[in-house]
Amino acid sequence: MVKPIATAASGRYRLAVFSRVMAALVGGYTLTALVTACLALSLSLSRVESALTATLPAFLVLCMAVIWVFAARSAWRAWYGLMIPCLILGGCYLWLSGGGA
């Protein structure tokens, strides 16, 4: 027979793991897309070369984001650790693309 306390703790643990997986998928993809977009806009190459060059470090950024999410102390810290760079890079993207003016 399963104790109710163990079930509640197991449910919270599963929710925390699910939150980290979602942070890795959604937050990691968003961070990677913003890094790629900002890098592509800041390179002074042709459009094709700039896009290709900016895409190369995307694999490293995504891997680092996933590692960060599962190395963080809590799921909240993992989300905040991805949201802050995304907000900064979003502002940089707006500035580089001229959308903020």
N, C-alpha and C. Protein backbone atom coordinates (compact mmCIF):
# COMPACT_ATOMS: atom_id res chain seq x y z
N MET A 1 0.83 -1.17 0.00
CA MET A 1 0.00 0.00 0.00
C MET A 1 0.88 1.25 0.00
N VAL A 2 0.55 2.22 -0.82
CA VAL A 2 1.32 3.44 -0.95
C VAL A 2 0.84 4.47 0.06
N LYS A 3 1.80 5.10 0.73
CA LYS A 3 1.45 6.12 1.70
C LYS A 3 1.06 7.41 0.98
N PRO A 4 0.09 8.16 1.48
CA PRO A 4 -0.34 9.41 0.83
C PRO A 4 0.77 10.46 0.79
N ILE A 5 1.64 10.50 1.79
CA ILE A 5 2.72 11.49 1.81
C ILE A 5 3.71 11.19 0.70
N ALA A 6 4.04 9.94 0.49
CA ALA A 6 4.97 9.57 -0.57
C ALA A 6 4.37 9.89 -1.95
N THR A 7 3.07 9.73 -2.11
CA THR A 7 2.43 10.03 -3.38
C THR A 7 2.46 11.53 -3.67
N ALA A 8 2.23 12.35 -2.66
CA ALA A 8 2.26 13.79 -2.85
C ALA A 8 3.67 14.26 -3.20
N ALA A 9 4.67 13.71 -2.51
CA ALA A 9 6.05 14.08 -2.81
C ALA A 9 6.43 13.61 -4.21
N SER A 10 5.96 12.45 -4.59
CA SER A 10 6.24 11.94 -5.93
C SER A 10 5.57 12.81 -7.00
N GLY A 11 4.37 13.28 -6.72
CA GLY A 11 3.67 14.16 -7.66
C GLY A 11 4.39 15.48 -7.84
N ARG A 12 4.88 16.06 -6.73
CA ARG A 12 5.63 17.32 -6.82
C ARG A 12 6.93 17.12 -7.58
N TYR A 13 7.58 16.00 -7.35
CA TYR A 13 8.83 15.71 -8.05
C TYR A 13 8.58 15.57 -9.56
N ARG A 14 7.52 14.87 -9.92
CA ARG A 14 7.20 14.71 -11.34
C ARG A 14 6.84 16.02 -11.99
N LEU A 15 6.14 16.89 -11.28
CA LEU A 15 5.81 18.21 -11.79
C LEU A 15 7.07 19.05 -11.99
N ALA A 16 8.02 18.95 -11.05
CA ALA A 16 9.27 19.69 -11.18
C ALA A 16 10.08 19.19 -12.37
N VAL A 17 10.10 17.90 -12.59
CA VAL A 17 10.82 17.35 -13.74
C VAL A 17 10.13 17.76 -15.03
N PHE A 18 8.80 17.74 -15.06
CA PHE A 18 8.07 18.17 -16.24
C PHE A 18 8.33 19.65 -16.53
N SER A 19 8.38 20.46 -15.49
CA SER A 19 8.66 21.88 -15.67
C SER A 19 10.06 22.09 -16.23
N ARG A 20 11.03 21.32 -15.78
CA ARG A 20 12.38 21.44 -16.31
C ARG A 20 12.46 20.99 -17.77
N VAL A 21 11.73 19.95 -18.10
CA VAL A 21 11.72 19.49 -19.49
C VAL A 21 11.10 20.55 -20.39
N MET A 22 10.02 21.17 -19.93
CA MET A 22 9.40 22.24 -20.72
C MET A 22 10.32 23.45 -20.82
N ALA A 23 11.04 23.75 -19.75
CA ALA A 23 12.00 24.86 -19.79
C ALA A 23 13.11 24.56 -20.78
N ALA A 24 13.56 23.31 -20.80
CA ALA A 24 14.62 22.94 -21.74
C ALA A 24 14.12 23.02 -23.17
N LEU A 25 12.90 22.57 -23.42
CA LEU A 25 12.37 22.60 -24.78
C LEU A 25 12.00 24.00 -25.23
N VAL A 26 11.11 24.64 -24.50
CA VAL A 26 10.59 25.95 -24.91
C VAL A 26 11.63 27.05 -24.69
N GLY A 27 12.17 27.12 -23.48
CA GLY A 27 13.14 28.15 -23.17
C GLY A 27 14.44 27.99 -23.94
N GLY A 28 14.89 26.74 -24.08
CA GLY A 28 16.12 26.50 -24.84
C GLY A 28 15.97 26.85 -26.30
N TYR A 29 14.82 26.52 -26.88
CA TYR A 29 14.58 26.87 -28.28
C TYR A 29 14.50 28.38 -28.46
N THR A 30 13.81 29.05 -27.55
CA THR A 30 13.67 30.51 -27.64
C THR A 30 15.03 31.18 -27.51
N LEU A 31 15.81 30.76 -26.54
CA LEU A 31 17.14 31.33 -26.35
C LEU A 31 18.02 31.09 -27.57
N THR A 32 17.97 29.90 -28.12
CA THR A 32 18.76 29.57 -29.29
C THR A 32 18.34 30.41 -30.50
N ALA A 33 17.04 30.56 -30.69
CA ALA A 33 16.56 31.36 -31.82
C ALA A 33 16.97 32.82 -31.68
N LEU A 34 16.91 33.36 -30.46
CA LEU A 34 17.30 34.76 -30.26
C LEU A 34 18.80 34.96 -30.44
N VAL A 35 19.60 34.02 -29.95
CA VAL A 35 21.05 34.12 -30.15
C VAL A 35 21.37 34.07 -31.64
N THR A 36 20.74 33.17 -32.36
CA THR A 36 20.99 33.04 -33.79
C THR A 36 20.55 34.30 -34.54
N ALA A 37 19.40 34.84 -34.20
CA ALA A 37 18.90 36.04 -34.89
C ALA A 37 19.80 37.24 -34.61
N CYS A 38 20.19 37.43 -33.36
CA CYS A 38 21.06 38.56 -33.02
C CYS A 38 22.42 38.43 -33.68
N LEU A 39 22.96 37.23 -33.69
CA LEU A 39 24.26 37.02 -34.32
C LEU A 39 24.17 37.24 -35.83
N ALA A 40 23.11 36.77 -36.44
CA ALA A 40 22.96 36.95 -37.89
C ALA A 40 22.82 38.42 -38.26
N LEU A 41 22.12 39.19 -37.44
CA LEU A 41 21.97 40.61 -37.72
C LEU A 41 23.24 41.41 -37.46
N SER A 42 24.07 40.91 -36.56
CA SER A 42 25.26 41.68 -36.21
C SER A 42 26.47 41.37 -37.09
N LEU A 43 26.43 40.28 -37.83
CA LEU A 43 27.55 39.95 -38.71
C LEU A 43 27.50 40.79 -39.98
N SER A 44 28.66 41.19 -40.44
CA SER A 44 28.71 42.02 -41.65
C SER A 44 29.11 41.18 -42.85
N LEU A 45 28.33 40.16 -43.10
CA LEU A 45 28.54 39.27 -44.25
C LEU A 45 27.30 39.38 -45.14
N SER A 46 27.30 38.64 -46.23
CA SER A 46 26.09 38.59 -47.04
C SER A 46 24.99 37.87 -46.23
N ARG A 47 23.75 38.02 -46.66
CA ARG A 47 22.63 37.47 -45.88
C ARG A 47 22.74 35.95 -45.71
N VAL A 48 23.13 35.26 -46.77
CA VAL A 48 23.22 33.80 -46.71
C VAL A 48 24.36 33.38 -45.80
N GLU A 49 25.53 34.00 -45.97
CA GLU A 49 26.68 33.65 -45.14
C GLU A 49 26.44 34.01 -43.69
N SER A 50 25.79 35.13 -43.45
CA SER A 50 25.48 35.55 -42.09
C SER A 50 24.53 34.57 -41.41
N ALA A 51 23.52 34.14 -42.11
CA ALA A 51 22.56 33.18 -41.54
C ALA A 51 23.22 31.83 -41.28
N LEU A 52 24.05 31.38 -42.20
CA LEU A 52 24.73 30.10 -42.02
C LEU A 52 25.72 30.16 -40.86
N THR A 53 26.48 31.23 -40.78
CA THR A 53 27.46 31.38 -39.72
C THR A 53 26.78 31.51 -38.36
N ALA A 54 25.67 32.20 -38.30
CA ALA A 54 24.96 32.37 -37.04
C ALA A 54 24.28 31.08 -36.58
N THR A 55 23.98 30.19 -37.50
CA THR A 55 23.32 28.95 -37.14
C THR A 55 24.28 27.94 -36.51
N LEU A 56 25.54 28.02 -36.84
CA LEU A 56 26.50 27.04 -36.34
C LEU A 56 26.59 26.97 -34.81
N PRO A 57 26.69 28.09 -34.10
CA PRO A 57 26.76 27.98 -32.63
C PRO A 57 25.42 27.65 -31.97
N ALA A 58 24.36 27.54 -32.73
CA ALA A 58 23.04 27.26 -32.16
C ALA A 58 23.02 25.91 -31.44
N PHE A 59 23.71 24.93 -31.96
CA PHE A 59 23.74 23.62 -31.32
C PHE A 59 24.40 23.69 -29.95
N LEU A 60 25.46 24.46 -29.86
CA LEU A 60 26.15 24.64 -28.58
C LEU A 60 25.27 25.39 -27.58
N VAL A 61 24.59 26.42 -28.04
CA VAL A 61 23.71 27.21 -27.16
C VAL A 61 22.58 26.34 -26.63
N LEU A 62 21.98 25.53 -27.48
CA LEU A 62 20.88 24.67 -27.03
C LEU A 62 21.38 23.63 -26.02
N CYS A 63 22.53 23.05 -26.28
CA CYS A 63 23.09 22.08 -25.32
C CYS A 63 23.39 22.73 -23.98
N MET A 64 23.94 23.94 -24.02
CA MET A 64 24.24 24.64 -22.77
C MET A 64 22.96 25.01 -22.02
N ALA A 65 21.92 25.36 -22.74
CA ALA A 65 20.65 25.69 -22.09
C ALA A 65 20.04 24.46 -21.41
N VAL A 66 20.09 23.33 -22.07
CA VAL A 66 19.54 22.10 -21.47
C VAL A 66 20.36 21.70 -20.25
N ILE A 67 21.67 21.82 -20.34
CA ILE A 67 22.51 21.50 -19.18
C ILE A 67 22.20 22.45 -18.03
N TRP A 68 22.03 23.74 -18.33
CA TRP A 68 21.71 24.71 -17.28
C TRP A 68 20.38 24.36 -16.61
N VAL A 69 19.38 24.00 -17.39
CA VAL A 69 18.06 23.72 -16.83
C VAL A 69 18.12 22.57 -15.84
N PHE A 70 18.85 21.53 -16.15
CA PHE A 70 18.89 20.38 -15.26
C PHE A 70 19.95 20.49 -14.19
N ALA A 71 20.83 21.49 -14.28
CA ALA A 71 21.83 21.71 -13.23
C ALA A 71 21.38 22.75 -12.21
N ALA A 72 20.33 23.51 -12.53
CA ALA A 72 19.84 24.54 -11.62
C ALA A 72 19.27 23.91 -10.36
N ARG A 73 19.31 24.69 -9.28
CA ARG A 73 18.83 24.18 -7.99
C ARG A 73 17.34 23.88 -7.97
N SER A 74 16.58 24.70 -8.65
CA SER A 74 15.13 24.51 -8.67
C SER A 74 14.60 24.80 -10.07
N ALA A 75 13.37 24.39 -10.28
CA ALA A 75 12.75 24.64 -11.59
C ALA A 75 12.52 26.12 -11.79
N TRP A 76 12.22 26.87 -10.72
CA TRP A 76 12.05 28.32 -10.84
C TRP A 76 13.34 28.98 -11.28
N ARG A 77 14.45 28.56 -10.68
CA ARG A 77 15.74 29.14 -11.05
C ARG A 77 16.10 28.80 -12.49
N ALA A 78 15.71 27.63 -12.94
CA ALA A 78 15.97 27.24 -14.32
C ALA A 78 15.19 28.13 -15.28
N TRP A 79 13.91 28.39 -14.97
CA TRP A 79 13.10 29.28 -15.81
C TRP A 79 13.66 30.70 -15.82
N TYR A 80 14.00 31.21 -14.63
CA TYR A 80 14.55 32.57 -14.56
C TYR A 80 15.89 32.67 -15.27
N GLY A 81 16.69 31.61 -15.16
CA GLY A 81 17.98 31.60 -15.82
C GLY A 81 17.88 31.60 -17.34
N LEU A 82 16.75 31.21 -17.87
CA LEU A 82 16.53 31.29 -19.32
C LEU A 82 15.77 32.56 -19.71
N MET A 83 14.88 33.03 -18.84
CA MET A 83 14.08 34.21 -19.19
C MET A 83 14.91 35.48 -19.24
N ILE A 84 15.83 35.65 -18.31
CA ILE A 84 16.63 36.88 -18.27
C ILE A 84 17.47 37.05 -19.53
N PRO A 85 18.24 36.04 -19.97
CA PRO A 85 18.96 36.21 -21.24
C PRO A 85 18.03 36.38 -22.43
N CYS A 86 16.86 35.74 -22.41
CA CYS A 86 15.91 35.90 -23.52
C CYS A 86 15.39 37.33 -23.60
N LEU A 87 15.12 37.94 -22.45
CA LEU A 87 14.66 39.32 -22.46
C LEU A 87 15.75 40.27 -22.95
N ILE A 88 16.98 40.04 -22.52
CA ILE A 88 18.10 40.87 -22.97
C ILE A 88 18.32 40.71 -24.47
N LEU A 89 18.32 39.47 -24.93
CA LEU A 89 18.52 39.22 -26.36
C LEU A 89 17.34 39.71 -27.19
N GLY A 90 16.14 39.66 -26.63
CA GLY A 90 14.99 40.21 -27.34
C GLY A 90 15.13 41.71 -27.55
N GLY A 91 15.62 42.41 -26.53
CA GLY A 91 15.88 43.84 -26.67
C GLY A 91 16.97 44.11 -27.69
N CYS A 92 18.03 43.29 -27.66
CA CYS A 92 19.09 43.44 -28.66
C CYS A 92 18.58 43.19 -30.07
N TYR A 93 17.71 42.21 -30.21
CA TYR A 93 17.15 41.91 -31.52
C TYR A 93 16.32 43.10 -32.04
N LEU A 94 15.50 43.66 -31.17
CA LEU A 94 14.71 44.82 -31.58
C LEU A 94 15.61 45.99 -31.97
N TRP A 95 16.67 46.19 -31.22
CA TRP A 95 17.59 47.29 -31.52
C TRP A 95 18.32 47.04 -32.84
N LEU A 96 18.79 45.80 -33.05
CA LEU A 96 19.54 45.48 -34.28
C LEU A 96 18.65 45.50 -35.51
N SER A 97 17.40 45.08 -35.36
CA SER A 97 16.52 45.04 -36.52
C SER A 97 15.85 46.38 -36.82
N GLY A 98 16.01 47.33 -35.92
CA GLY A 98 15.40 48.64 -36.13
C GLY A 98 13.94 48.67 -35.74
N GLY A 99 13.47 47.64 -35.08
CA GLY A 99 12.06 47.58 -34.69
C GLY A 99 11.75 48.42 -33.47
N GLY A 100 12.78 48.79 -32.71
CA GLY A 100 12.55 49.57 -31.51
C GLY A 100 12.48 51.06 -31.76
N ALA A 101 12.78 51.49 -32.98
CA ALA A 101 12.82 52.93 -33.26
C ALA A 101 11.51 53.44 -33.78
